[in-house]
Amino acid sequence: MNRMLNNRNNARERRPGERGLSLIEIVVALAIIGTIAAFAVPQLSGTRRAMRAAGLPRDLTSQLRSARQFAISRNRAVTFQLDVEERSISILQHEDGLTGTDVLNEVNYPETAGHEVVRQVPMAAWGASADTITYGKPAAATKINLDDDTELAPLVDNKVNITFQPDGSVLNANGTFGNLALFLYDSYDENNTASAVSILGASGRIKIWRYQHDDEQFVE
């Protein structure tokens, strides 16, 4: 009787044509899955990195426009500051009446007497890999300037300072309009993550550029 019951149970558990997987088959299947994962994970990581880097110029543009709007609405000189070492953005409002080249030629510019930090945002808050974000252009880029003739904004003590005047314009220390650009890329994949944000001094207009590595240049 027991033998008959066992035969019935075995028949229920294994239908005709079905067989169990051997240890070798399981090992082979796991090896195939591992190989696929080894190729897929770096690609997914690179895609995520590129997506985060793609949002960086939009965030920079948003902060630049906020600084410009502060200057216009409050009728004061306002400085946008990118701290490359700390990977952070600050917006500094200057003392009422301190405008033009007087701001730029202050001894402690941009930390002028009576200034106030109205906003400070770490770049990591935008989802960017802040520790790998690099200021500058990728080595493969052959064009020095963007098509709007803006130039790489200089670093002073690892900081970029762009001061908007009460009318929304940007001046140089010599009193002429300053056409500047911020270039950034992720050091893990500079060709696919490089971007730029340019500021036209006379109008204060702000534009976003993406690097096309096939053409070795930035396009709007």
N, C-alpha and C. Protein backbone atom coordinates (compact mmCIF):
# COMPACT_ATOMS: atom_id res chain seq x y z
N MET A 1 0.83 -1.21 0.00
CA MET A 1 0.00 0.00 0.00
C MET A 1 0.87 1.27 0.00
N ASN A 2 1.89 1.29 0.86
CA ASN A 2 2.78 2.46 0.91
C ASN A 2 3.47 2.69 -0.41
N ARG A 3 3.87 1.55 -1.06
CA ARG A 3 4.55 1.70 -2.34
C ARG A 3 3.62 2.31 -3.37
N MET A 4 2.35 1.96 -3.36
CA MET A 4 1.39 2.53 -4.30
C MET A 4 1.18 4.02 -4.06
N LEU A 5 1.12 4.41 -2.78
CA LEU A 5 0.94 5.83 -2.47
C LEU A 5 2.13 6.65 -2.92
N ASN A 6 3.35 6.11 -2.70
CA ASN A 6 4.54 6.81 -3.13
C ASN A 6 4.58 7.00 -4.63
N ASN A 7 4.17 5.96 -5.36
CA ASN A 7 4.14 6.06 -6.83
C ASN A 7 3.17 7.13 -7.29
N ARG A 8 2.01 7.20 -6.59
CA ARG A 8 1.03 8.24 -6.95
C ARG A 8 1.58 9.64 -6.68
N ASN A 9 2.23 9.83 -5.55
CA ASN A 9 2.80 11.13 -5.22
C ASN A 9 3.86 11.54 -6.22
N ASN A 10 4.69 10.60 -6.60
CA ASN A 10 5.72 10.90 -7.59
C ASN A 10 5.12 11.27 -8.93
N ALA A 11 4.02 10.65 -9.25
CA ALA A 11 3.36 10.95 -10.52
C ALA A 11 2.79 12.35 -10.51
N ARG A 12 2.25 12.78 -9.34
CA ARG A 12 1.72 14.14 -9.25
C ARG A 12 2.83 15.17 -9.33
N GLU A 13 3.96 14.92 -8.69
CA GLU A 13 5.04 15.89 -8.62
C GLU A 13 5.77 16.04 -9.95
N ARG A 14 5.87 15.00 -10.71
CA ARG A 14 6.62 15.07 -11.96
C ARG A 14 5.77 14.54 -13.10
N ARG A 15 5.35 15.42 -13.95
CA ARG A 15 4.54 15.05 -15.09
C ARG A 15 5.41 14.44 -16.18
N PRO A 16 4.81 13.77 -17.12
CA PRO A 16 5.58 13.19 -18.23
C PRO A 16 6.33 14.26 -18.99
N GLY A 17 7.59 14.05 -19.33
CA GLY A 17 8.40 15.00 -20.08
C GLY A 17 9.15 15.98 -19.21
N GLU A 18 8.83 16.02 -17.90
CA GLU A 18 9.51 16.94 -16.99
C GLU A 18 10.66 16.23 -16.30
N ARG A 19 11.71 17.01 -16.05
CA ARG A 19 12.84 16.46 -15.30
C ARG A 19 13.46 17.58 -14.47
N GLY A 20 14.17 17.28 -13.44
CA GLY A 20 14.80 18.26 -12.59
C GLY A 20 16.07 18.80 -13.22
N LEU A 21 16.52 19.98 -12.74
CA LEU A 21 17.76 20.58 -13.20
C LEU A 21 18.94 19.97 -12.46
N SER A 22 19.96 19.64 -13.21
CA SER A 22 21.16 19.11 -12.58
C SER A 22 21.99 20.26 -12.01
N LEU A 23 22.93 19.93 -11.15
CA LEU A 23 23.80 20.94 -10.55
C LEU A 23 24.61 21.67 -11.62
N ILE A 24 25.05 20.96 -12.63
CA ILE A 24 25.83 21.57 -13.71
C ILE A 24 24.98 22.59 -14.46
N GLU A 25 23.72 22.27 -14.73
CA GLU A 25 22.84 23.18 -15.45
C GLU A 25 22.59 24.45 -14.64
N ILE A 26 22.45 24.29 -13.32
CA ILE A 26 22.23 25.46 -12.46
C ILE A 26 23.46 26.36 -12.46
N VAL A 27 24.64 25.75 -12.38
CA VAL A 27 25.89 26.52 -12.38
C VAL A 27 26.05 27.27 -13.70
N VAL A 28 25.75 26.62 -14.83
CA VAL A 28 25.84 27.25 -16.13
C VAL A 28 24.88 28.44 -16.22
N ALA A 29 23.64 28.24 -15.74
CA ALA A 29 22.64 29.31 -15.78
C ALA A 29 23.09 30.51 -14.95
N LEU A 30 23.64 30.25 -13.77
CA LEU A 30 24.12 31.34 -12.92
C LEU A 30 25.30 32.07 -13.57
N ALA A 31 26.16 31.32 -14.26
CA ALA A 31 27.29 31.94 -14.93
C ALA A 31 26.83 32.87 -16.04
N ILE A 32 25.80 32.44 -16.79
CA ILE A 32 25.25 33.28 -17.86
C ILE A 32 24.64 34.56 -17.29
N ILE A 33 23.88 34.41 -16.20
CA ILE A 33 23.28 35.58 -15.56
C ILE A 33 24.36 36.54 -15.07
N GLY A 34 25.43 35.99 -14.49
CA GLY A 34 26.53 36.82 -14.00
C GLY A 34 27.22 37.58 -15.12
N THR A 35 27.39 36.92 -16.27
CA THR A 35 28.03 37.56 -17.41
C THR A 35 27.19 38.72 -17.93
N ILE A 36 25.88 38.48 -18.04
CA ILE A 36 24.98 39.53 -18.50
C ILE A 36 25.00 40.72 -17.54
N ALA A 37 24.99 40.42 -16.23
CA ALA A 37 25.00 41.49 -15.23
C ALA A 37 26.30 42.29 -15.29
N ALA A 38 27.42 41.60 -15.57
CA ALA A 38 28.71 42.28 -15.64
C ALA A 38 28.74 43.32 -16.74
N PHE A 39 28.00 43.06 -17.84
CA PHE A 39 27.94 44.03 -18.93
C PHE A 39 26.88 45.09 -18.68
N ALA A 40 25.78 44.69 -18.06
CA ALA A 40 24.64 45.60 -17.90
C ALA A 40 24.86 46.64 -16.81
N VAL A 41 25.46 46.24 -15.69
CA VAL A 41 25.60 47.15 -14.55
C VAL A 41 26.42 48.39 -14.89
N PRO A 42 27.61 48.26 -15.52
CA PRO A 42 28.35 49.49 -15.88
C PRO A 42 27.58 50.39 -16.83
N GLN A 43 26.84 49.78 -17.78
CA GLN A 43 26.06 50.59 -18.71
C GLN A 43 24.96 51.35 -17.98
N LEU A 44 24.28 50.67 -17.04
CA LEU A 44 23.23 51.34 -16.28
C LEU A 44 23.81 52.44 -15.41
N SER A 45 24.99 52.16 -14.81
CA SER A 45 25.64 53.17 -13.99
C SER A 45 26.02 54.39 -14.82
N GLY A 46 26.55 54.14 -16.03
CA GLY A 46 26.91 55.25 -16.91
C GLY A 46 25.71 56.05 -17.34
N THR A 47 24.59 55.36 -17.58
CA THR A 47 23.36 56.05 -17.97
C THR A 47 22.86 56.93 -16.85
N ARG A 48 22.87 56.40 -15.63
CA ARG A 48 22.43 57.20 -14.48
C ARG A 48 23.33 58.41 -14.27
N ARG A 49 24.63 58.21 -14.44
CA ARG A 49 25.59 59.30 -14.27
C ARG A 49 25.34 60.39 -15.30
N ALA A 50 25.10 59.97 -16.55
CA ALA A 50 24.84 60.93 -17.62
C ALA A 50 23.55 61.70 -17.37
N MET A 51 22.53 61.01 -16.84
CA MET A 51 21.25 61.66 -16.56
C MET A 51 21.42 62.70 -15.44
N ARG A 52 22.19 62.35 -14.41
CA ARG A 52 22.42 63.32 -13.32
C ARG A 52 23.20 64.53 -13.83
N ALA A 53 24.22 64.25 -14.65
CA ALA A 53 25.03 65.36 -15.19
C ALA A 53 24.21 66.24 -16.11
N ALA A 54 23.24 65.65 -16.82
CA ALA A 54 22.40 66.41 -17.75
C ALA A 54 21.55 67.44 -17.00
N GLY A 55 21.22 67.15 -15.76
CA GLY A 55 20.41 68.08 -14.98
C GLY A 55 21.22 69.20 -14.36
N LEU A 56 22.53 69.05 -14.31
CA LEU A 56 23.38 70.04 -13.65
C LEU A 56 23.31 71.42 -14.30
N PRO A 57 23.43 71.56 -15.64
CA PRO A 57 23.34 72.91 -16.22
C PRO A 57 21.99 73.57 -16.01
N ARG A 58 20.93 72.77 -15.93
CA ARG A 58 19.61 73.35 -15.65
C ARG A 58 19.57 73.92 -14.24
N ASP A 59 20.17 73.20 -13.30
CA ASP A 59 20.20 73.69 -11.92
C ASP A 59 21.06 74.94 -11.80
N LEU A 60 22.20 74.94 -12.49
CA LEU A 60 23.06 76.13 -12.48
C LEU A 60 22.32 77.33 -13.06
N THR A 61 21.64 77.09 -14.17
CA THR A 61 20.87 78.16 -14.83
C THR A 61 19.80 78.71 -13.89
N SER A 62 19.14 77.82 -13.17
CA SER A 62 18.11 78.24 -12.23
C SER A 62 18.69 79.15 -11.15
N GLN A 63 19.86 78.79 -10.62
CA GLN A 63 20.49 79.60 -9.57
C GLN A 63 21.00 80.93 -10.13
N LEU A 64 21.55 80.91 -11.34
CA LEU A 64 22.00 82.15 -11.97
C LEU A 64 20.82 83.11 -12.20
N ARG A 65 19.73 82.57 -12.68
CA ARG A 65 18.55 83.41 -12.92
C ARG A 65 17.99 83.95 -11.61
N SER A 66 18.08 83.14 -10.55
CA SER A 66 17.62 83.62 -9.24
C SER A 66 18.48 84.79 -8.77
N ALA A 67 19.80 84.67 -8.96
CA ALA A 67 20.70 85.76 -8.57
C ALA A 67 20.38 87.02 -9.36
N ARG A 68 20.16 86.86 -10.65
CA ARG A 68 19.84 88.03 -11.49
C ARG A 68 18.51 88.65 -11.06
N GLN A 69 17.53 87.80 -10.77
CA GLN A 69 16.22 88.32 -10.36
C GLN A 69 16.31 89.03 -9.01
N PHE A 70 17.13 88.51 -8.10
CA PHE A 70 17.35 89.18 -6.82
C PHE A 70 17.91 90.58 -7.06
N ALA A 71 18.89 90.67 -7.96
CA ALA A 71 19.52 91.97 -8.24
C ALA A 71 18.51 92.98 -8.77
N ILE A 72 17.65 92.53 -9.68
CA ILE A 72 16.67 93.43 -10.30
C ILE A 72 15.58 93.82 -9.30
N SER A 73 15.02 92.83 -8.62
CA SER A 73 13.88 93.09 -7.74
C SER A 73 14.29 93.87 -6.48
N ARG A 74 15.53 93.67 -6.03
CA ARG A 74 15.97 94.35 -4.81
C ARG A 74 16.82 95.58 -5.10
N ASN A 75 17.06 95.82 -6.39
CA ASN A 75 17.83 96.99 -6.83
C ASN A 75 19.20 97.04 -6.14
N ARG A 76 19.86 95.88 -6.15
CA ARG A 76 21.18 95.76 -5.54
C ARG A 76 22.08 94.88 -6.41
N ALA A 77 23.37 95.02 -6.20
CA ALA A 77 24.31 94.10 -6.84
C ALA A 77 24.25 92.77 -6.10
N VAL A 78 24.17 91.68 -6.87
CA VAL A 78 24.06 90.34 -6.29
C VAL A 78 25.06 89.43 -6.99
N THR A 79 25.83 88.67 -6.22
CA THR A 79 26.86 87.80 -6.78
C THR A 79 26.46 86.33 -6.70
N PHE A 80 26.56 85.67 -7.83
CA PHE A 80 26.44 84.20 -7.90
C PHE A 80 27.85 83.63 -7.71
N GLN A 81 28.00 82.70 -6.78
CA GLN A 81 29.32 82.13 -6.53
C GLN A 81 29.27 80.61 -6.61
N LEU A 82 30.14 80.06 -7.46
CA LEU A 82 30.32 78.61 -7.55
C LEU A 82 31.63 78.26 -6.86
N ASP A 83 31.53 77.51 -5.78
CA ASP A 83 32.72 77.07 -5.05
C ASP A 83 33.09 75.68 -5.58
N VAL A 84 34.14 75.63 -6.38
CA VAL A 84 34.53 74.37 -7.03
C VAL A 84 35.05 73.36 -6.02
N GLU A 85 35.77 73.85 -5.02
CA GLU A 85 36.34 72.94 -4.02
C GLU A 85 35.26 72.35 -3.13
N GLU A 86 34.33 73.19 -2.67
CA GLU A 86 33.26 72.74 -1.77
C GLU A 86 32.07 72.18 -2.53
N ARG A 87 32.06 72.35 -3.86
CA ARG A 87 30.93 71.89 -4.69
C ARG A 87 29.62 72.47 -4.17
N SER A 88 29.56 73.79 -4.11
CA SER A 88 28.36 74.44 -3.61
C SER A 88 28.12 75.74 -4.37
N ILE A 89 26.87 76.21 -4.31
CA ILE A 89 26.45 77.46 -4.93
C ILE A 89 26.00 78.41 -3.83
N SER A 90 26.45 79.66 -3.91
CA SER A 90 25.99 80.68 -2.97
C SER A 90 25.53 81.91 -3.74
N ILE A 91 24.55 82.59 -3.20
CA ILE A 91 24.09 83.86 -3.74
C ILE A 91 24.28 84.91 -2.66
N LEU A 92 25.10 85.93 -2.97
CA LEU A 92 25.45 86.97 -2.01
C LEU A 92 24.83 88.30 -2.42
N GLN A 93 24.11 88.90 -1.51
CA GLN A 93 23.53 90.22 -1.74
C GLN A 93 24.43 91.28 -1.12
N HIS A 94 24.79 92.29 -1.91
CA HIS A 94 25.71 93.31 -1.44
C HIS A 94 24.96 94.49 -0.80
N GLU A 95 25.72 95.28 -0.11
CA GLU A 95 25.14 96.41 0.63
C GLU A 95 24.42 97.36 -0.32
N ASP A 96 23.34 97.91 0.15
CA ASP A 96 22.55 98.86 -0.64
C ASP A 96 23.43 100.03 -1.09
N GLY A 97 23.40 100.31 -2.40
CA GLY A 97 24.16 101.43 -2.94
C GLY A 97 25.54 101.04 -3.46
N LEU A 98 26.01 99.84 -3.11
CA LEU A 98 27.31 99.39 -3.57
C LEU A 98 27.11 98.62 -4.88
N THR A 99 27.33 99.29 -6.00
CA THR A 99 27.07 98.70 -7.31
C THR A 99 28.24 98.98 -8.26
N GLY A 100 28.07 98.54 -9.52
CA GLY A 100 29.06 98.80 -10.55
C GLY A 100 30.43 98.24 -10.21
N THR A 101 31.45 98.94 -10.67
CA THR A 101 32.82 98.48 -10.43
C THR A 101 33.24 98.65 -8.97
N ASP A 102 32.48 99.44 -8.21
CA ASP A 102 32.80 99.60 -6.78
C ASP A 102 32.71 98.26 -6.06
N VAL A 103 31.72 97.44 -6.46
CA VAL A 103 31.58 96.11 -5.86
C VAL A 103 32.76 95.24 -6.24
N LEU A 104 33.07 95.22 -7.54
CA LEU A 104 34.10 94.32 -8.06
C LEU A 104 35.49 94.67 -7.57
N ASN A 105 35.72 95.93 -7.24
CA ASN A 105 37.05 96.37 -6.82
C ASN A 105 37.21 96.45 -5.31
N GLU A 106 36.18 95.99 -4.58
CA GLU A 106 36.30 95.92 -3.12
C GLU A 106 37.41 94.95 -2.75
N VAL A 107 38.15 95.27 -1.69
CA VAL A 107 39.29 94.46 -1.28
C VAL A 107 38.89 93.02 -1.01
N ASN A 108 37.78 92.80 -0.35
CA ASN A 108 37.35 91.45 0.03
C ASN A 108 36.27 90.89 -0.88
N TYR A 109 36.13 91.46 -2.08
CA TYR A 109 35.12 90.97 -3.03
C TYR A 109 35.25 89.46 -3.20
N PRO A 110 34.14 88.71 -3.21
CA PRO A 110 32.75 89.19 -3.16
C PRO A 110 32.20 89.34 -1.74
N GLU A 111 33.01 89.06 -0.74
CA GLU A 111 32.54 89.19 0.64
C GLU A 111 32.73 90.64 1.09
N THR A 112 31.98 91.50 0.45
CA THR A 112 32.08 92.93 0.73
C THR A 112 31.47 93.27 2.09
N ALA A 113 31.82 94.43 2.59
CA ALA A 113 31.26 94.87 3.87
C ALA A 113 29.74 94.94 3.79
N GLY A 114 29.08 94.36 4.76
CA GLY A 114 27.63 94.41 4.80
C GLY A 114 26.93 93.43 3.86
N HIS A 115 27.67 92.50 3.24
CA HIS A 115 27.03 91.54 2.32
C HIS A 115 26.22 90.51 3.12
N GLU A 116 25.32 89.87 2.46
CA GLU A 116 24.47 88.86 3.09
C GLU A 116 24.34 87.66 2.15
N VAL A 117 24.55 86.46 2.68
CA VAL A 117 24.35 85.23 1.90
C VAL A 117 22.86 84.89 1.96
N VAL A 118 22.18 85.05 0.85
CA VAL A 118 20.74 84.82 0.82
C VAL A 118 20.38 83.40 0.41
N ARG A 119 21.36 82.66 -0.14
CA ARG A 119 21.09 81.27 -0.51
C ARG A 119 22.40 80.51 -0.61
N GLN A 120 22.39 79.26 -0.17
CA GLN A 120 23.54 78.37 -0.31
C GLN A 120 23.04 76.96 -0.55
N VAL A 121 23.48 76.36 -1.66
CA VAL A 121 22.97 75.05 -2.06
C VAL A 121 24.14 74.14 -2.43
N PRO A 122 24.27 72.96 -1.79
CA PRO A 122 25.31 72.01 -2.20
C PRO A 122 24.92 71.36 -3.52
N MET A 123 25.87 71.14 -4.40
CA MET A 123 25.57 70.53 -5.68
C MET A 123 25.04 69.11 -5.51
N ALA A 124 25.41 68.44 -4.43
CA ALA A 124 24.93 67.09 -4.18
C ALA A 124 23.42 67.06 -3.99
N ALA A 125 22.83 68.19 -3.59
CA ALA A 125 21.39 68.26 -3.40
C ALA A 125 20.64 68.09 -4.70
N TRP A 126 21.32 68.29 -5.83
CA TRP A 126 20.69 68.13 -7.14
C TRP A 126 20.80 66.71 -7.68
N GLY A 127 21.38 65.82 -6.88
CA GLY A 127 21.52 64.44 -7.35
C GLY A 127 22.77 64.20 -8.15
N ALA A 128 23.61 65.21 -8.30
CA ALA A 128 24.85 65.06 -9.06
C ALA A 128 25.90 64.36 -8.21
N SER A 129 26.82 63.67 -8.87
CA SER A 129 27.94 63.07 -8.17
C SER A 129 28.97 64.17 -7.91
N ALA A 130 28.72 64.91 -6.85
CA ALA A 130 29.48 66.13 -6.61
C ALA A 130 30.99 65.88 -6.52
N ASP A 131 31.39 64.70 -6.04
CA ASP A 131 32.81 64.45 -5.86
C ASP A 131 33.54 64.25 -7.19
N THR A 132 32.80 64.01 -8.28
CA THR A 132 33.45 63.79 -9.57
C THR A 132 33.15 64.92 -10.56
N ILE A 133 32.35 65.90 -10.16
CA ILE A 133 32.07 67.03 -11.04
C ILE A 133 33.32 67.91 -11.14
N THR A 134 33.72 68.22 -12.36
CA THR A 134 34.95 68.97 -12.60
C THR A 134 34.64 70.26 -13.35
N TYR A 135 35.30 71.35 -12.93
CA TYR A 135 35.12 72.63 -13.60
C TYR A 135 36.11 72.74 -14.75
N GLY A 136 35.61 73.10 -15.94
CA GLY A 136 36.46 73.23 -17.11
C GLY A 136 35.87 72.49 -18.30
N LYS A 137 36.62 72.44 -19.38
CA LYS A 137 36.16 71.76 -20.60
C LYS A 137 36.88 70.43 -20.76
N PRO A 138 36.22 69.46 -21.40
CA PRO A 138 36.89 68.17 -21.63
C PRO A 138 38.11 68.36 -22.51
N ALA A 139 39.11 67.52 -22.29
CA ALA A 139 40.37 67.66 -23.02
C ALA A 139 40.18 67.54 -24.53
N ALA A 140 39.15 66.81 -24.95
CA ALA A 140 38.94 66.59 -26.39
C ALA A 140 38.36 67.81 -27.09
N ALA A 141 37.80 68.76 -26.32
CA ALA A 141 37.17 69.94 -26.94
C ALA A 141 38.24 70.81 -27.60
N THR A 142 38.03 71.11 -28.86
CA THR A 142 39.02 71.89 -29.61
C THR A 142 38.65 73.37 -29.69
N LYS A 143 37.36 73.70 -29.54
CA LYS A 143 36.94 75.09 -29.61
C LYS A 143 37.17 75.78 -28.27
N ILE A 144 37.82 76.94 -28.32
CA ILE A 144 38.12 77.66 -27.09
C ILE A 144 36.87 78.31 -26.52
N ASN A 145 36.07 78.94 -27.38
CA ASN A 145 34.90 79.68 -26.94
C ASN A 145 33.62 79.05 -27.48
N LEU A 146 32.51 79.43 -26.88
CA LEU A 146 31.20 79.05 -27.41
C LEU A 146 30.87 79.97 -28.57
N ASP A 147 29.80 79.65 -29.30
CA ASP A 147 29.44 80.45 -30.46
C ASP A 147 28.96 81.85 -30.10
N ASP A 148 28.66 82.09 -28.83
CA ASP A 148 28.25 83.45 -28.44
C ASP A 148 29.45 84.26 -27.90
N ASP A 149 30.66 83.74 -28.16
CA ASP A 149 31.90 84.45 -27.81
C ASP A 149 32.08 84.67 -26.31
N THR A 150 31.47 83.80 -25.51
CA THR A 150 31.74 83.85 -24.08
C THR A 150 32.97 83.01 -23.78
N GLU A 151 33.67 83.35 -22.71
CA GLU A 151 34.89 82.65 -22.34
C GLU A 151 34.75 82.02 -20.96
N LEU A 152 35.57 81.02 -20.72
CA LEU A 152 35.56 80.34 -19.43
C LEU A 152 35.77 81.34 -18.30
N ALA A 153 34.82 81.38 -17.38
CA ALA A 153 34.93 82.29 -16.22
C ALA A 153 36.11 81.85 -15.37
N PRO A 154 37.00 82.77 -15.01
CA PRO A 154 38.20 82.39 -14.27
C PRO A 154 37.90 81.97 -12.84
N LEU A 155 38.76 81.09 -12.34
CA LEU A 155 38.70 80.68 -10.94
C LEU A 155 39.59 81.58 -10.10
N VAL A 156 39.07 82.04 -8.98
CA VAL A 156 39.85 82.81 -8.00
C VAL A 156 39.66 82.12 -6.66
N ASP A 157 40.73 81.55 -6.14
CA ASP A 157 40.65 80.76 -4.90
C ASP A 157 39.62 79.63 -5.04
N ASN A 158 39.65 78.98 -6.21
CA ASN A 158 38.74 77.86 -6.50
C ASN A 158 37.27 78.27 -6.50
N LYS A 159 37.01 79.53 -6.79
CA LYS A 159 35.63 80.01 -6.86
C LYS A 159 35.42 80.81 -8.14
N VAL A 160 34.19 80.73 -8.66
CA VAL A 160 33.77 81.56 -9.78
C VAL A 160 32.76 82.56 -9.24
N ASN A 161 32.99 83.84 -9.48
CA ASN A 161 32.09 84.88 -9.00
C ASN A 161 31.52 85.66 -10.19
N ILE A 162 30.20 85.72 -10.27
CA ILE A 162 29.53 86.47 -11.33
C ILE A 162 28.55 87.42 -10.66
N THR A 163 28.78 88.71 -10.81
CA THR A 163 27.97 89.71 -10.12
C THR A 163 26.99 90.38 -11.09
N PHE A 164 25.72 90.27 -10.75
CA PHE A 164 24.66 90.93 -11.53
C PHE A 164 24.40 92.31 -10.94
N GLN A 165 24.31 93.28 -11.82
CA GLN A 165 24.01 94.65 -11.41
C GLN A 165 22.48 94.82 -11.27
N PRO A 166 22.03 95.90 -10.66
CA PRO A 166 20.59 96.10 -10.47
C PRO A 166 19.77 96.08 -11.76
N ASP A 167 20.41 96.34 -12.91
CA ASP A 167 19.68 96.27 -14.18
C ASP A 167 19.78 94.90 -14.83
N GLY A 168 20.40 93.93 -14.15
CA GLY A 168 20.49 92.56 -14.66
C GLY A 168 21.72 92.29 -15.49
N SER A 169 22.55 93.29 -15.73
CA SER A 169 23.76 93.11 -16.54
C SER A 169 24.91 92.59 -15.69
N VAL A 170 25.99 92.21 -16.37
CA VAL A 170 27.20 91.74 -15.69
C VAL A 170 28.38 92.55 -16.19
N LEU A 171 29.14 93.14 -15.25
CA LEU A 171 30.30 93.96 -15.61
C LEU A 171 31.59 93.27 -15.21
N ASN A 172 32.66 93.62 -15.93
CA ASN A 172 34.01 93.26 -15.51
C ASN A 172 34.54 94.33 -14.57
N ALA A 173 35.68 94.05 -13.94
CA ALA A 173 36.28 95.02 -13.01
C ALA A 173 36.67 96.32 -13.69
N ASN A 174 36.87 96.26 -15.03
CA ASN A 174 37.24 97.48 -15.76
C ASN A 174 36.02 98.26 -16.25
N GLY A 175 34.83 97.77 -15.93
CA GLY A 175 33.62 98.49 -16.27
C GLY A 175 32.97 98.09 -17.57
N THR A 176 33.55 97.13 -18.31
CA THR A 176 32.94 96.65 -19.55
C THR A 176 32.05 95.45 -19.25
N PHE A 177 31.15 95.14 -20.19
CA PHE A 177 30.25 94.00 -19.99
C PHE A 177 31.06 92.70 -20.06
N GLY A 178 30.76 91.80 -19.12
CA GLY A 178 31.49 90.54 -19.05
C GLY A 178 30.69 89.39 -19.63
N ASN A 179 31.18 88.81 -20.73
CA ASN A 179 30.55 87.62 -21.32
C ASN A 179 31.30 86.39 -20.81
N LEU A 180 30.64 85.64 -19.95
CA LEU A 180 31.30 84.54 -19.25
C LEU A 180 30.56 83.23 -19.45
N ALA A 181 31.27 82.12 -19.19
CA ALA A 181 30.66 80.81 -19.30
C ALA A 181 31.21 79.88 -18.22
N LEU A 182 30.35 79.02 -17.72
CA LEU A 182 30.73 77.99 -16.76
C LEU A 182 30.73 76.65 -17.50
N PHE A 183 31.84 75.92 -17.44
CA PHE A 183 31.96 74.61 -18.08
C PHE A 183 32.12 73.55 -17.00
N LEU A 184 31.35 72.47 -17.10
CA LEU A 184 31.40 71.40 -16.12
C LEU A 184 31.29 70.04 -16.81
N TYR A 185 31.89 69.04 -16.20
CA TYR A 185 31.73 67.67 -16.69
C TYR A 185 32.02 66.69 -15.56
N ASP A 186 31.54 65.45 -15.74
CA ASP A 186 31.81 64.38 -14.79
C ASP A 186 33.09 63.69 -15.21
N SER A 187 34.06 63.62 -14.32
CA SER A 187 35.38 63.10 -14.68
C SER A 187 35.35 61.63 -15.07
N TYR A 188 34.28 60.89 -14.72
CA TYR A 188 34.18 59.50 -15.10
C TYR A 188 33.85 59.32 -16.58
N ASP A 189 33.19 60.32 -17.16
CA ASP A 189 32.78 60.22 -18.56
C ASP A 189 32.64 61.63 -19.12
N GLU A 190 33.77 62.31 -19.30
CA GLU A 190 33.73 63.73 -19.63
C GLU A 190 33.09 64.01 -20.98
N ASN A 191 33.30 63.15 -21.97
CA ASN A 191 32.76 63.43 -23.30
C ASN A 191 31.24 63.38 -23.35
N ASN A 192 30.63 62.54 -22.52
CA ASN A 192 29.17 62.39 -22.55
C ASN A 192 28.46 63.19 -21.47
N THR A 193 29.20 63.90 -20.65
CA THR A 193 28.55 64.65 -19.56
C THR A 193 28.90 66.13 -19.57
N ALA A 194 29.77 66.56 -20.48
CA ALA A 194 30.20 67.97 -20.48
C ALA A 194 29.07 68.89 -20.91
N SER A 195 29.00 70.03 -20.24
CA SER A 195 27.98 71.04 -20.57
C SER A 195 28.52 72.41 -20.19
N ALA A 196 27.80 73.43 -20.60
CA ALA A 196 28.21 74.80 -20.29
C ALA A 196 26.98 75.67 -20.11
N VAL A 197 27.15 76.72 -19.32
CA VAL A 197 26.12 77.74 -19.16
C VAL A 197 26.79 79.08 -19.40
N SER A 198 26.27 79.84 -20.36
CA SER A 198 26.89 81.12 -20.70
C SER A 198 26.01 82.29 -20.24
N ILE A 199 26.68 83.40 -19.94
CA ILE A 199 25.99 84.62 -19.50
C ILE A 199 26.48 85.78 -20.35
N LEU A 200 25.56 86.44 -21.04
CA LEU A 200 25.90 87.60 -21.85
C LEU A 200 25.79 88.85 -20.98
N GLY A 201 26.91 89.55 -20.82
CA GLY A 201 26.97 90.64 -19.86
C GLY A 201 26.00 91.77 -20.09
N ALA A 202 25.83 92.21 -21.34
CA ALA A 202 25.00 93.38 -21.62
C ALA A 202 23.54 93.16 -21.26
N SER A 203 23.04 91.96 -21.53
CA SER A 203 21.62 91.67 -21.29
C SER A 203 21.38 90.80 -20.07
N GLY A 204 22.42 90.07 -19.65
CA GLY A 204 22.24 89.12 -18.56
C GLY A 204 21.59 87.84 -19.02
N ARG A 205 21.49 87.65 -20.34
CA ARG A 205 20.86 86.45 -20.87
C ARG A 205 21.71 85.23 -20.52
N ILE A 206 21.03 84.12 -20.17
CA ILE A 206 21.70 82.89 -19.74
C ILE A 206 21.29 81.76 -20.68
N LYS A 207 22.27 80.99 -21.17
CA LYS A 207 21.99 79.92 -22.12
C LYS A 207 22.70 78.64 -21.70
N ILE A 208 22.11 77.51 -22.12
CA ILE A 208 22.67 76.19 -21.83
C ILE A 208 23.28 75.59 -23.09
N TRP A 209 24.45 74.95 -22.94
CA TRP A 209 25.14 74.31 -24.05
C TRP A 209 25.48 72.87 -23.68
N ARG A 210 25.43 71.98 -24.69
CA ARG A 210 25.82 70.58 -24.50
C ARG A 210 27.02 70.26 -25.38
N TYR A 211 27.89 69.43 -24.87
CA TYR A 211 29.07 69.07 -25.64
C TYR A 211 28.76 67.90 -26.57
N GLN A 212 29.06 68.07 -27.86
CA GLN A 212 28.92 67.01 -28.85
C GLN A 212 30.32 66.50 -29.17
N HIS A 213 30.67 65.34 -28.60
CA HIS A 213 32.06 64.89 -28.74
C HIS A 213 32.40 64.45 -30.16
N ASP A 214 31.38 64.12 -30.96
CA ASP A 214 31.66 63.76 -32.36
C ASP A 214 32.21 64.97 -33.14
N ASP A 215 31.68 66.15 -32.81
CA ASP A 215 32.12 67.38 -33.47
C ASP A 215 33.16 68.14 -32.64
N GLU A 216 33.41 67.66 -31.43
CA GLU A 216 34.36 68.28 -30.52
C GLU A 216 34.05 69.74 -30.26
N GLN A 217 32.75 70.03 -30.05
CA GLN A 217 32.36 71.38 -29.74
C GLN A 217 31.05 71.40 -28.97
N PHE A 218 30.75 72.55 -28.37
CA PHE A 218 29.52 72.72 -27.62
C PHE A 218 28.44 73.33 -28.53
N VAL A 219 27.22 72.81 -28.39
CA VAL A 219 26.11 73.33 -29.18
C VAL A 219 24.98 73.75 -28.23
N GLU A 220 24.28 74.80 -28.63
CA GLU A 220 23.19 75.32 -27.80
C GLU A 220 21.96 74.44 -27.89
